[in-house]
């Protein structure tokens, strides 16, 4: 799997398996950095870790790249990621559309079917 493409590119399409793999990597990295912050005492303010805070800011970009490719697989614009800004409903919508529903079969305007 091309991790650089998966986590940094806003072009193309990915299937659900690659989407969940990317989400898993982001969650695992966040947990590891949180543990490192705790062990090394790299806390500031209200217990925010230095490394985990920096990674949280970087992961916004990485998550948006994942979301855009997954939206493309659903034959929708990556701008649909803004639905997450709607409290509760947005998160549920995002989970269903990107994590559960199947992508468009065959080629669409964003590229070839990732399962083909």
PDB file of N, CA and C in Angstrom:
ATOM      1  N   UNK A   1       0.855  -1.175   0.000  1.00  0.00           N
ATOM      2  CA  UNK A   1       0.000   0.000   0.000  1.00  0.00           C
ATOM      3  C   UNK A   1       0.903   1.240   0.000  1.00  0.00           C
ATOM      4  N   UNK A   2       0.548   2.224  -0.796  1.00  0.00           N
ATOM      5  CA  UNK A   2       1.295   3.476  -0.880  1.00  0.00           C
ATOM      6  C   UNK A   2       0.774   4.433   0.188  1.00  0.00           C
ATOM      7  N   UNK A   3       1.446   4.447   1.352  1.00  0.00           N
ATOM      8  CA  UNK A   3       0.984   5.245   2.490  1.00  0.00           C
ATOM      9  C   UNK A   3       1.073   6.735   2.216  1.00  0.00           C
ATOM     10  N   UNK A   4       2.096   7.147   1.460  1.00  0.00           N
ATOM     11  CA  UNK A   4       2.235   8.572   1.144  1.00  0.00           C
ATOM     12  C   UNK A   4       1.023   9.047   0.350  1.00  0.00           C
ATOM     13  N   UNK A   5       0.649   8.281  -0.680  1.00  0.00           N
ATOM     14  CA  UNK A   5      -0.540   8.627  -1.472  1.00  0.00           C
ATOM     15  C   UNK A   5      -1.790   8.594  -0.597  1.00  0.00           C
ATOM     16  N   UNK A   6      -1.906   7.557   0.211  1.00  0.00           N
ATOM     17  CA  UNK A   6      -3.106   7.373   1.028  1.00  0.00           C
ATOM     18  C   UNK A   6      -3.332   8.542   1.979  1.00  0.00           C
ATOM     19  N   UNK A   7      -2.266   9.033   2.595  1.00  0.00           N
ATOM     20  CA  UNK A   7      -2.414  10.034   3.644  1.00  0.00           C
ATOM     21  C   UNK A   7      -2.158  11.474   3.206  1.00  0.00           C
ATOM     22  N   UNK A   8      -1.672  11.691   1.992  1.00  0.00           N
ATOM     23  CA  UNK A   8      -1.362  13.077   1.608  1.00  0.00           C
ATOM     24  C   UNK A   8      -2.044  13.561   0.340  1.00  0.00           C
ATOM     25  N   UNK A   9      -2.461  12.677  -0.539  1.00  0.00           N
ATOM     26  CA  UNK A   9      -3.045  13.092  -1.810  1.00  0.00           C
ATOM     27  C   UNK A   9      -4.560  13.275  -1.700  1.00  0.00           C
ATOM     28  N   UNK A  10      -5.048  14.284  -2.387  1.00  0.00           N
ATOM     29  CA  UNK A  10      -6.488  14.528  -2.439  1.00  0.00           C
ATOM     30  C   UNK A  10      -7.074  14.026  -3.762  1.00  0.00           C
ATOM     31  N   UNK A  11      -6.285  13.366  -4.567  1.00  0.00           N
ATOM     32  CA  UNK A  11      -6.694  12.887  -5.886  1.00  0.00           C
ATOM     33  C   UNK A  11      -7.019  11.399  -5.839  1.00  0.00           C
ATOM     34  N   UNK A  12      -7.952  10.972  -6.687  1.00  0.00           N
ATOM     35  CA  UNK A  12      -8.238   9.561  -6.855  1.00  0.00           C
ATOM     36  C   UNK A  12      -9.295   9.022  -5.904  1.00  0.00           C
ATOM     37  N   UNK A  13      -9.325   7.697  -5.823  1.00  0.00           N
ATOM     38  CA  UNK A  13     -10.341   6.988  -5.048  1.00  0.00           C
ATOM     39  C   UNK A  13      -9.686   5.913  -4.196  1.00  0.00           C
ATOM     40  N   UNK A  14     -10.295   5.631  -3.042  1.00  0.00           N
ATOM     41  CA  UNK A  14      -9.885   4.491  -2.218  1.00  0.00           C
ATOM     42  C   UNK A  14     -11.136   3.749  -1.754  1.00  0.00           C
ATOM     43  N   UNK A  15     -10.970   2.458  -1.523  1.00  0.00           N
ATOM     44  CA  UNK A  15     -12.106   1.664  -1.037  1.00  0.00           C
ATOM     45  C   UNK A  15     -12.189   1.741   0.485  1.00  0.00           C
ATOM     46  N   UNK A  16     -13.193   1.084   1.047  1.00  0.00           N
ATOM     47  CA  UNK A  16     -13.401   1.123   2.504  1.00  0.00           C
ATOM     48  C   UNK A  16     -12.242   0.536   3.279  1.00  0.00           C
ATOM     49  N   UNK A  17     -11.645  -0.533   2.780  1.00  0.00           N
ATOM     50  CA  UNK A  17     -10.542  -1.182   3.502  1.00  0.00           C
ATOM     51  C   UNK A  17      -9.356  -0.235   3.657  1.00  0.00           C
ATOM     52  N   UNK A  18      -8.991   0.456   2.594  1.00  0.00           N
ATOM     53  CA  UNK A  18      -7.881   1.407   2.680  1.00  0.00           C
ATOM     54  C   UNK A  18      -8.251   2.594   3.555  1.00  0.00           C
ATOM     55  N   UNK A  19      -9.503   3.010   3.506  1.00  0.00           N
ATOM     56  CA  UNK A  19      -9.964   4.096   4.366  1.00  0.00           C
ATOM     57  C   UNK A  19      -9.786   3.721   5.827  1.00  0.00           C
ATOM     58  N   UNK A  20     -10.270   2.527   6.212  1.00  0.00           N
ATOM     59  CA  UNK A  20     -10.168   2.096   7.606  1.00  0.00           C
ATOM     60  C   UNK A  20      -8.723   1.852   8.004  1.00  0.00           C
ATOM     61  N   UNK A  21      -7.881   1.397   7.065  1.00  0.00           N
ATOM     62  CA  UNK A  21      -6.452   1.231   7.362  1.00  0.00           C
ATOM     63  C   UNK A  21      -5.833   2.590   7.684  1.00  0.00           C
ATOM     64  N   UNK A  22      -6.166   3.602   6.908  1.00  0.00           N
ATOM     65  CA  UNK A  22      -5.655   4.947   7.159  1.00  0.00           C
ATOM     66  C   UNK A  22      -6.139   5.500   8.482  1.00  0.00           C
ATOM     67  N   UNK A  23      -7.415   5.300   8.781  1.00  0.00           N
ATOM     68  CA  UNK A  23      -7.968   5.754  10.064  1.00  0.00           C
ATOM     69  C   UNK A  23      -7.266   5.028  11.210  1.00  0.00           C
ATOM     70  N   UNK A  24      -7.032   3.750  11.045  1.00  0.00           N
ATOM     71  CA  UNK A  24      -6.342   2.966  12.078  1.00  0.00           C
ATOM     72  C   UNK A  24      -4.931   3.476  12.332  1.00  0.00           C
ATOM     73  N   UNK A  25      -4.220   3.823  11.272  1.00  0.00           N
ATOM     74  CA  UNK A  25      -2.860   4.361  11.419  1.00  0.00           C
ATOM     75  C   UNK A  25      -2.898   5.684  12.182  1.00  0.00           C
ATOM     76  N   UNK A  26      -3.852   6.552  11.854  1.00  0.00           N
ATOM     77  CA  UNK A  26      -3.961   7.838  12.544  1.00  0.00           C
ATOM     78  C   UNK A  26      -4.283   7.652  14.027  1.00  0.00           C
ATOM     79  N   UNK A  27      -5.181   6.728  14.334  1.00  0.00           N
ATOM     80  CA  UNK A  27      -5.533   6.464  15.729  1.00  0.00           C
ATOM     81  C   UNK A  27      -4.345   5.866  16.481  1.00  0.00           C
ATOM     82  N   UNK A  28      -3.675   4.894  15.857  1.00  0.00           N
ATOM     83  CA  UNK A  28      -2.522   4.253  16.508  1.00  0.00           C
ATOM     84  C   UNK A  28      -1.410   5.266  16.765  1.00  0.00           C
ATOM     85  N   UNK A  29      -1.118   6.117  15.800  1.00  0.00           N
ATOM     86  CA  UNK A  29      -0.075   7.140  15.969  1.00  0.00           C
ATOM     87  C   UNK A  29      -0.448   8.095  17.097  1.00  0.00           C
ATOM     88  N   UNK A  30      -1.713   8.448  17.169  1.00  0.00           N
ATOM     89  CA  UNK A  30      -2.182   9.344  18.220  1.00  0.00           C
ATOM     90  C   UNK A  30      -1.999   8.711  19.605  1.00  0.00           C
ATOM     91  N   UNK A  31      -2.339   7.442  19.732  1.00  0.00           N
ATOM     92  CA  UNK A  31      -2.189   6.739  21.013  1.00  0.00           C
ATOM     93  C   UNK A  31      -0.727   6.651  21.411  1.00  0.00           C
ATOM     94  N   UNK A  32       0.141   6.285  20.466  1.00  0.00           N
ATOM     95  CA  UNK A  32       1.572   6.159  20.756  1.00  0.00           C
ATOM     96  C   UNK A  32       2.150   7.503  21.188  1.00  0.00           C
ATOM     97  N   UNK A  33       1.827   8.566  20.473  1.00  0.00           N
ATOM     98  CA  UNK A  33       2.352   9.888  20.824  1.00  0.00           C
ATOM     99  C   UNK A  33       1.808  10.365  22.170  1.00  0.00           C
ATOM    100  N   UNK A  34       0.578  10.023  22.464  1.00  0.00           N
ATOM    101  CA  UNK A  34       0.001  10.362  23.769  1.00  0.00           C
ATOM    102  C   UNK A  34       0.750   9.651  24.891  1.00  0.00           C
ATOM    103  N   UNK A  35       1.079   8.382  24.675  1.00  0.00           N
ATOM    104  CA  UNK A  35       1.848   7.627  25.667  1.00  0.00           C
ATOM    105  C   UNK A  35       3.246   8.219  25.849  1.00  0.00           C
ATOM    106  N   UNK A  36       3.886   8.580  24.739  1.00  0.00           N
ATOM    107  CA  UNK A  36       5.218   9.181  24.819  1.00  0.00           C
ATOM    108  C   UNK A  36       5.153  10.492  25.599  1.00  0.00           C
ATOM    109  N   UNK A  37       4.129  11.311  25.318  1.00  0.00           N
ATOM    110  CA  UNK A  37       3.948  12.555  26.068  1.00  0.00           C
ATOM    111  C   UNK A  37       3.806  12.284  27.559  1.00  0.00           C
ATOM    112  N   UNK A  38       3.039  11.267  27.908  1.00  0.00           N
ATOM    113  CA  UNK A  38       2.821  10.939  29.323  1.00  0.00           C
ATOM    114  C   UNK A  38       4.094  10.429  29.985  1.00  0.00           C
ATOM    115  N   UNK A  39       4.813   9.540  29.317  1.00  0.00           N
ATOM    116  CA  UNK A  39       6.029   8.950  29.883  1.00  0.00           C
ATOM    117  C   UNK A  39       7.118  10.005  30.073  1.00  0.00           C
ATOM    118  N   UNK A  40       7.292  10.871  29.059  1.00  0.00           N
ATOM    119  CA  UNK A  40       8.353  11.873  29.120  1.00  0.00           C
ATOM    120  C   UNK A  40       7.931  13.158  29.831  1.00  0.00           C
ATOM    121  N   UNK A  41       6.667  13.236  30.204  1.00  0.00           N
ATOM    122  CA  UNK A  41       6.176  14.418  30.900  1.00  0.00           C
ATOM    123  C   UNK A  41       6.109  15.656  30.023  1.00  0.00           C
ATOM    124  N   UNK A  42       5.847  15.446  28.751  1.00  0.00           N
ATOM    125  CA  UNK A  42       5.773  16.566  27.799  1.00  0.00           C
ATOM    126  C   UNK A  42       4.357  17.151  27.767  1.00  0.00           C
ATOM    127  N   UNK A  43       3.903  17.589  28.910  1.00  0.00           N
ATOM    128  CA  UNK A  43       2.547  18.126  29.039  1.00  0.00           C
ATOM    129  C   UNK A  43       2.611  19.640  29.195  1.00  0.00           C
ATOM    130  N   UNK A  44       1.593  20.317  28.721  1.00  0.00           N
ATOM    131  CA  UNK A  44       1.476  21.746  28.973  1.00  0.00           C
ATOM    132  C   UNK A  44       0.005  22.087  29.161  1.00  0.00           C
ATOM    133  N   UNK A  45      -0.266  23.181  29.829  1.00  0.00           N
ATOM    134  CA  UNK A  45      -1.651  23.608  30.036  1.00  0.00           C
ATOM    135  C   UNK A  45      -2.466  22.594  30.803  1.00  0.00           C
ATOM    136  N   UNK A  46      -3.618  22.274  30.282  1.00  0.00           N
ATOM    137  CA  UNK A  46      -4.580  21.372  30.925  1.00  0.00           C
ATOM    138  C   UNK A  46      -4.271  19.900  30.624  1.00  0.00           C
ATOM    139  N   UNK A  47      -3.003  19.528  30.596  1.00  0.00           N
ATOM    140  CA  UNK A  47      -2.637  18.141  30.357  1.00  0.00           C
ATOM    141  C   UNK A  47      -2.506  17.794  28.890  1.00  0.00           C
ATOM    142  N   UNK A  48      -2.433  18.791  28.027  1.00  0.00           N
ATOM    143  CA  UNK A  48      -2.239  18.532  26.603  1.00  0.00           C
ATOM    144  C   UNK A  48      -0.784  18.167  26.367  1.00  0.00           C
ATOM    145  N   UNK A  49      -0.543  17.089  25.634  1.00  0.00           N
ATOM    146  CA  UNK A  49       0.815  16.685  25.322  1.00  0.00           C
ATOM    147  C   UNK A  49       1.345  17.449  24.124  1.00  0.00           C
ATOM    148  N   UNK A  50       2.616  17.766  24.149  1.00  0.00           N
ATOM    149  CA  UNK A  50       3.241  18.525  23.078  1.00  0.00           C
ATOM    150  C   UNK A  50       3.185  17.750  21.760  1.00  0.00           C
ATOM    151  N   UNK A  51       3.686  16.501  21.780  1.00  0.00           N
ATOM    152  CA  UNK A  51       3.725  15.703  20.551  1.00  0.00           C
ATOM    153  C   UNK A  51       2.331  15.381  20.034  1.00  0.00           C
ATOM    154  N   UNK A  52       1.433  15.009  20.936  1.00  0.00           N
ATOM    155  CA  UNK A  52       0.085  14.638  20.491  1.00  0.00           C
ATOM    156  C   UNK A  52      -0.684  15.847  19.981  1.00  0.00           C
ATOM    157  N   UNK A  53      -0.412  17.033  20.504  1.00  0.00           N
ATOM    158  CA  UNK A  53      -1.072  18.237  19.996  1.00  0.00           C
ATOM    159  C   UNK A  53      -0.571  18.586  18.602  1.00  0.00           C
ATOM    160  N   UNK A  54       0.739  18.485  18.404  1.00  0.00           N
ATOM    161  CA  UNK A  54       1.306  18.743  17.073  1.00  0.00           C
ATOM    162  C   UNK A  54       0.746  17.742  16.074  1.00  0.00           C
ATOM    163  N   UNK A  55       0.690  16.454  16.475  1.00  0.00           N
ATOM    164  CA  UNK A  55       0.162  15.434  15.566  1.00  0.00           C
ATOM    165  C   UNK A  55      -1.323  15.657  15.289  1.00  0.00           C
ATOM    166  N   UNK A  56      -2.068  16.110  16.271  1.00  0.00           N
ATOM    167  CA  UNK A  56      -3.498  16.374  16.070  1.00  0.00           C
ATOM    168  C   UNK A  56      -3.692  17.430  14.982  1.00  0.00           C
ATOM    169  N   UNK A  57      -2.866  18.447  14.994  1.00  0.00           N
ATOM    170  CA  UNK A  57      -2.965  19.486  13.964  1.00  0.00           C
ATOM    171  C   UNK A  57      -2.583  18.942  12.588  1.00  0.00           C
ATOM    172  N   UNK A  58      -1.539  18.126  12.531  1.00  0.00           N
ATOM    173  CA  UNK A  58      -1.124  17.520  11.265  1.00  0.00           C
ATOM    174  C   UNK A  58      -2.175  16.531  10.768  1.00  0.00           C
ATOM    175  N   UNK A  59      -2.791  15.802  11.694  1.00  0.00           N
ATOM    176  CA  UNK A  59      -3.753  14.773  11.300  1.00  0.00           C
ATOM    177  C   UNK A  59      -5.026  15.353  10.687  1.00  0.00           C
ATOM    178  N   UNK A  60      -5.287  16.625  10.901  1.00  0.00           N
ATOM    179  CA  UNK A  60      -6.435  17.256  10.223  1.00  0.00           C
ATOM    180  C   UNK A  60      -6.240  17.153   8.714  1.00  0.00           C
ATOM    181  N   UNK A  61      -5.050  17.514   8.266  1.00  0.00           N
ATOM    182  CA  UNK A  61      -4.735  17.421   6.831  1.00  0.00           C
ATOM    183  C   UNK A  61      -4.797  15.968   6.354  1.00  0.00           C
ATOM    184  N   UNK A  62      -4.179  15.066   7.117  1.00  0.00           N
ATOM    185  CA  UNK A  62      -4.138  13.654   6.730  1.00  0.00           C
ATOM    186  C   UNK A  62      -5.543  13.058   6.645  1.00  0.00           C
ATOM    187  N   UNK A  63      -6.398  13.384   7.615  1.00  0.00           N
ATOM    188  CA  UNK A  63      -7.768  12.867   7.616  1.00  0.00           C
ATOM    189  C   UNK A  63      -8.560  13.437   6.441  1.00  0.00           C
ATOM    190  N   UNK A  64      -8.381  14.720   6.155  1.00  0.00           N
ATOM    191  CA  UNK A  64      -9.099  15.320   5.024  1.00  0.00           C
ATOM    192  C   UNK A  64      -8.687  14.678   3.699  1.00  0.00           C
ATOM    193  N   UNK A  65      -7.413  14.299   3.568  1.00  0.00           N
ATOM    194  CA  UNK A  65      -6.961  13.603   2.361  1.00  0.00           C
ATOM    195  C   UNK A  65      -7.648  12.238   2.245  1.00  0.00           C
ATOM    196  N   UNK A  66      -7.737  11.523   3.357  1.00  0.00           N
ATOM    197  CA  UNK A  66      -8.452  10.236   3.357  1.00  0.00           C
ATOM    198  C   UNK A  66      -9.916  10.427   2.983  1.00  0.00           C
ATOM    199  N   UNK A  67     -10.553  11.398   3.644  1.00  0.00           N
ATOM    200  CA  UNK A  67     -11.973  11.648   3.404  1.00  0.00           C
ATOM    201  C   UNK A  67     -12.232  12.013   1.953  1.00  0.00           C
ATOM    202  N   UNK A  68     -11.392  12.866   1.372  1.00  0.00           N
ATOM    203  CA  UNK A  68     -11.611  13.314  -0.012  1.00  0.00           C
ATOM    204  C   UNK A  68     -11.582  12.127  -0.966  1.00  0.00           C
ATOM    205  N   UNK A  69     -10.593  11.249  -0.814  1.00  0.00           N
ATOM    206  CA  UNK A  69     -10.520  10.090  -1.716  1.00  0.00           C
ATOM    207  C   UNK A  69     -11.705   9.159  -1.518  1.00  0.00           C
ATOM    208  N   UNK A  70     -12.155   9.031  -0.284  1.00  0.00           N
ATOM    209  CA  UNK A  70     -13.310   8.158  -0.025  1.00  0.00           C
ATOM    210  C   UNK A  70     -14.589   8.781  -0.587  1.00  0.00           C
ATOM    211  N   UNK A  71     -14.749  10.104  -0.453  1.00  0.00           N
ATOM    212  CA  UNK A  71     -15.893  10.776  -1.066  1.00  0.00           C
ATOM    213  C   UNK A  71     -15.856  10.590  -2.584  1.00  0.00           C
ATOM    214  N   UNK A  72     -14.647  10.671  -3.166  1.00  0.00           N
ATOM    215  CA  UNK A  72     -14.519  10.467  -4.608  1.00  0.00           C
ATOM    216  C   UNK A  72     -14.992   9.069  -4.998  1.00  0.00           C
ATOM    217  N   UNK A  73     -14.712   8.081  -4.163  1.00  0.00           N
ATOM    218  CA  UNK A  73     -15.176   6.722  -4.445  1.00  0.00           C
ATOM    219  C   UNK A  73     -16.696   6.657  -4.415  1.00  0.00           C
ATOM    220  N   UNK A  74     -17.314   7.524  -3.638  1.00  0.00           N
ATOM    221  CA  UNK A  74     -18.782   7.593  -3.574  1.00  0.00           C
ATOM    222  C   UNK A  74     -19.324   8.519  -4.671  1.00  0.00           C
ATOM    223  N   UNK A  75     -18.442   9.012  -5.563  1.00  0.00           N
ATOM    224  CA  UNK A  75     -18.772   9.915  -6.668  1.00  0.00           C
ATOM    225  C   UNK A  75     -19.300  11.257  -6.174  1.00  0.00           C
ATOM    226  N   UNK A  76     -18.679  11.756  -5.098  1.00  0.00           N
ATOM    227  CA  UNK A  76     -19.038  13.051  -4.535  1.00  0.00           C
ATOM    228  C   UNK A  76     -17.770  13.865  -4.347  1.00  0.00           C
ATOM    229  N   UNK A  77     -17.912  15.162  -4.274  1.00  0.00           N
ATOM    230  CA  UNK A  77     -16.788  16.059  -4.073  1.00  0.00           C
ATOM    231  C   UNK A  77     -16.208  15.897  -2.667  1.00  0.00           C
ATOM    232  N   UNK A  78     -14.912  16.124  -2.545  1.00  0.00           N
ATOM    233  CA  UNK A  78     -14.263  16.086  -1.238  1.00  0.00           C
ATOM    234  C   UNK A  78     -14.790  17.153  -0.292  1.00  0.00           C
ATOM    235  N   UNK A  79     -15.424  18.180  -0.849  1.00  0.00           N
ATOM    236  CA  UNK A  79     -16.010  19.239  -0.022  1.00  0.00           C
ATOM    237  C   UNK A  79     -17.116  18.711   0.886  1.00  0.00           C
ATOM    238  N   UNK A  80     -17.621  17.505   0.604  1.00  0.00           N
ATOM    239  CA  UNK A  80     -18.626  16.892   1.478  1.00  0.00           C
ATOM    240  C   UNK A  80     -18.064  16.647   2.875  1.00  0.00           C
ATOM    241  N   UNK A  81     -16.752  16.710   3.028  1.00  0.00           N
ATOM    242  CA  UNK A  81     -16.136  16.550   4.354  1.00  0.00           C
ATOM    243  C   UNK A  81     -16.620  17.615   5.324  1.00  0.00           C
ATOM    244  N   UNK A  82     -17.070  18.744   4.785  1.00  0.00           N
ATOM    245  CA  UNK A  82     -17.575  19.821   5.646  1.00  0.00           C
ATOM    246  C   UNK A  82     -18.828  19.417   6.415  1.00  0.00           C
ATOM    247  N   UNK A  83     -19.466  18.324   6.012  1.00  0.00           N
ATOM    248  CA  UNK A  83     -20.652  17.832   6.721  1.00  0.00           C
ATOM    249  C   UNK A  83     -20.298  17.505   8.175  1.00  0.00           C
ATOM    250  N   UNK A  84     -19.027  17.222   8.433  1.00  0.00           N
ATOM    251  CA  UNK A  84     -18.581  16.893   9.796  1.00  0.00           C
ATOM    252  C   UNK A  84     -18.726  18.074  10.744  1.00  0.00           C
ATOM    253  N   UNK A  85     -18.874  19.275  10.214  1.00  0.00           N
ATOM    254  CA  UNK A  85     -19.020  20.454  11.067  1.00  0.00           C
ATOM    255  C   UNK A  85     -20.400  20.556  11.705  1.00  0.00           C
ATOM    256  N   UNK A  86     -21.353  19.781  11.207  1.00  0.00           N
ATOM    257  CA  UNK A  86     -22.689  19.756  11.803  1.00  0.00           C
ATOM    258  C   UNK A  86     -22.642  18.815  13.007  1.00  0.00           C
ATOM    259  N   UNK A  87     -22.945  19.317  14.199  1.00  0.00           N
ATOM    260  CA  UNK A  87     -22.844  18.477  15.400  1.00  0.00           C
ATOM    261  C   UNK A  87     -23.697  17.202  15.294  1.00  0.00           C
ATOM    262  N   UNK A  88     -23.173  16.120  15.741  1.00  0.00           N
ATOM    263  CA  UNK A  88     -23.762  14.783  15.835  1.00  0.00           C
ATOM    264  C   UNK A  88     -24.160  14.236  14.472  1.00  0.00           C
ATOM    265  N   UNK A  89     -25.082  14.880  13.783  1.00  0.00           N
ATOM    266  CA  UNK A  89     -25.569  14.397  12.485  1.00  0.00           C
ATOM    267  C   UNK A  89     -24.421  14.297  11.491  1.00  0.00           C
ATOM    268  N   UNK A  90     -23.536  15.282  11.491  1.00  0.00           N
ATOM    269  CA  UNK A  90     -22.406  15.285  10.565  1.00  0.00           C
ATOM    270  C   UNK A  90     -21.481  14.106  10.783  1.00  0.00           C
ATOM    271  N   UNK A  91     -21.180  13.803  12.033  1.00  0.00           N
ATOM    272  CA  UNK A  91     -20.293  12.681  12.339  1.00  0.00           C
ATOM    273  C   UNK A  91     -20.933  11.350  11.944  1.00  0.00           C
ATOM    274  N   UNK A  92     -22.222  11.212  12.203  1.00  0.00           N
ATOM    275  CA  UNK A  92     -22.927   9.976  11.839  1.00  0.00           C
ATOM    276  C   UNK A  92     -22.970   9.835  10.320  1.00  0.00           C
ATOM    277  N   UNK A  93     -23.280  10.929   9.625  1.00  0.00           N
ATOM    278  CA  UNK A  93     -23.338  10.926   8.166  1.00  0.00           C
ATOM    279  C   UNK A  93     -21.975  10.519   7.591  1.00  0.00           C
ATOM    280  N   UNK A  94     -20.916  11.116   8.125  1.00  0.00           N
ATOM    281  CA  UNK A  94     -19.561  10.821   7.669  1.00  0.00           C
ATOM    282  C   UNK A  94     -19.238   9.348   7.877  1.00  0.00           C
ATOM    283  N   UNK A  95     -19.553   8.818   9.037  1.00  0.00           N
ATOM    284  CA  UNK A  95     -19.291   7.413   9.331  1.00  0.00           C
ATOM    285  C   UNK A  95     -20.022   6.493   8.357  1.00  0.00           C
ATOM    286  N   UNK A  96     -21.290   6.769   8.123  1.00  0.00           N
ATOM    287  CA  UNK A  96     -22.080   5.916   7.230  1.00  0.00           C
ATOM    288  C   UNK A  96     -21.577   6.012   5.792  1.00  0.00           C
ATOM    289  N   UNK A  97     -21.429   7.236   5.283  1.00  0.00           N
ATOM    290  CA  UNK A  97     -21.034   7.427   3.883  1.00  0.00           C
ATOM    291  C   UNK A  97     -19.634   6.889   3.599  1.00  0.00           C
ATOM    292  N   UNK A  98     -18.682   7.208   4.468  1.00  0.00           N
ATOM    293  CA  UNK A  98     -17.297   6.868   4.181  1.00  0.00           C
ATOM    294  C   UNK A  98     -16.888   5.504   4.707  1.00  0.00           C
ATOM    295  N   UNK A  99     -17.423   5.122   5.840  1.00  0.00           N
ATOM    296  CA  UNK A  99     -16.966   3.893   6.463  1.00  0.00           C
ATOM    297  C   UNK A  99     -17.800   2.672   6.208  1.00  0.00           C
ATOM    298  N   UNK A 100     -19.052   2.856   5.797  1.00  0.00           N
ATOM    299  CA  UNK A 100     -19.953   1.708   5.681  1.00  0.00           C
ATOM    300  C   UNK A 100     -20.432   1.473   4.252  1.00  0.00           C
ATOM    301  N   UNK A 101     -20.886   2.532   3.584  1.00  0.00           N
ATOM    302  CA  UNK A 101     -21.466   2.361   2.253  1.00  0.00           C
ATOM    303  C   UNK A 101     -20.412   2.037   1.192  1.00  0.00           C
ATOM    304  N   UNK A 102     -20.823   1.227   0.238  1.00  0.00           N
ATOM    305  CA  UNK A 102     -19.952   0.819  -0.864  1.00  0.00           C
ATOM    306  C   UNK A 102     -19.734   1.981  -1.820  1.00  0.00           C
ATOM    307  N   UNK A 103     -18.583   2.004  -2.451  1.00  0.00           N
ATOM    308  CA  UNK A 103     -18.282   3.030  -3.439  1.00  0.00           C
ATOM    309  C   UNK A 103     -18.987   2.778  -4.755  1.00  0.00           C
ATOM    310  N   UNK A 104     -18.868   3.736  -5.668  1.00  0.00           N
ATOM    311  CA  UNK A 104     -19.448   3.613  -6.997  1.00  0.00           C
ATOM    312  C   UNK A 104     -18.747   2.489  -7.748  1.00  0.00           C
ATOM    313  N   UNK A 105     -19.508   1.606  -8.354  1.00  0.00           N
ATOM    314  CA  UNK A 105     -18.920   0.523  -9.136  1.00  0.00           C
ATOM    315  C   UNK A 105     -18.483   1.055 -10.493  1.00  0.00           C
ATOM    316  N   UNK A 106     -17.326   0.602 -10.925  1.00  0.00           N
ATOM    317  CA  UNK A 106     -16.792   1.034 -12.208  1.00  0.00           C
ATOM    318  C   UNK A 106     -16.173   2.412 -12.116  1.00  0.00           C
ATOM    319  N   UNK A 107     -15.674   2.902 -13.235  1.00  0.00           N
ATOM    320  CA  UNK A 107     -15.033   4.223 -13.218  1.00  0.00           C
ATOM    321  C   UNK A 107     -16.054   5.342 -13.006  1.00  0.00           C
ATOM    322  N   UNK A 108     -15.600   6.414 -12.376  1.00  0.00           N
ATOM    323  CA  UNK A 108     -16.427   7.609 -12.263  1.00  0.00           C
ATOM    324  C   UNK A 108     -15.548   8.816 -12.600  1.00  0.00           C
ATOM    325  N   UNK A 109     -16.024  10.004 -12.395  1.00  0.00           N
ATOM    326  CA  UNK A 109     -15.275  11.195 -12.805  1.00  0.00           C
ATOM    327  C   UNK A 109     -13.989  11.390 -12.010  1.00  0.00           C
ATOM    328  N   UNK A 110     -13.790  10.638 -10.928  1.00  0.00           N
ATOM    329  CA  UNK A 110     -12.592  10.770 -10.105  1.00  0.00           C
ATOM    330  C   UNK A 110     -11.552   9.685 -10.375  1.00  0.00           C
ATOM    331  N   UNK A 111     -11.880   8.722 -11.218  1.00  0.00           N
ATOM    332  CA  UNK A 111     -10.902   7.696 -11.555  1.00  0.00           C
ATOM    333  C   UNK A 111     -11.506   6.303 -11.669  1.00  0.00           C
ATOM    334  N   UNK A 112     -10.612   5.350 -11.781  1.00  0.00           N
ATOM    335  CA  UNK A 112     -11.010   3.949 -11.920  1.00  0.00           C
ATOM    336  C   UNK A 112     -11.479   3.392 -10.573  1.00  0.00           C
ATOM    337  N   UNK A 113     -12.287   2.336 -10.666  1.00  0.00           N
ATOM    338  CA  UNK A 113     -12.757   1.644  -9.467  1.00  0.00           C
ATOM    339  C   UNK A 113     -11.575   1.040  -8.728  1.00  0.00           C
ATOM    340  N   UNK A 114     -11.374   1.384  -7.427  1.00  0.00           N
ATOM    341  CA  UNK A 114     -10.222   0.838  -6.703  1.00  0.00           C
ATOM    342  C   UNK A 114     -10.306  -0.666  -6.493  1.00  0.00           C
ATOM    343  N   UNK A 115     -11.476  -1.248  -6.654  1.00  0.00           N
ATOM    344  CA  UNK A 115     -11.632  -2.700  -6.491  1.00  0.00           C
ATOM    345  C   UNK A 115     -11.457  -3.456  -7.811  1.00  0.00           C
ATOM    346  N   UNK A 116     -11.359  -2.721  -8.922  1.00  0.00           N
ATOM    347  CA  UNK A 116     -11.254  -3.376 -10.233  1.00  0.00           C
ATOM    348  C   UNK A 116      -9.843  -3.838 -10.512  1.00  0.00           C
TER     349      UNK A 116
END
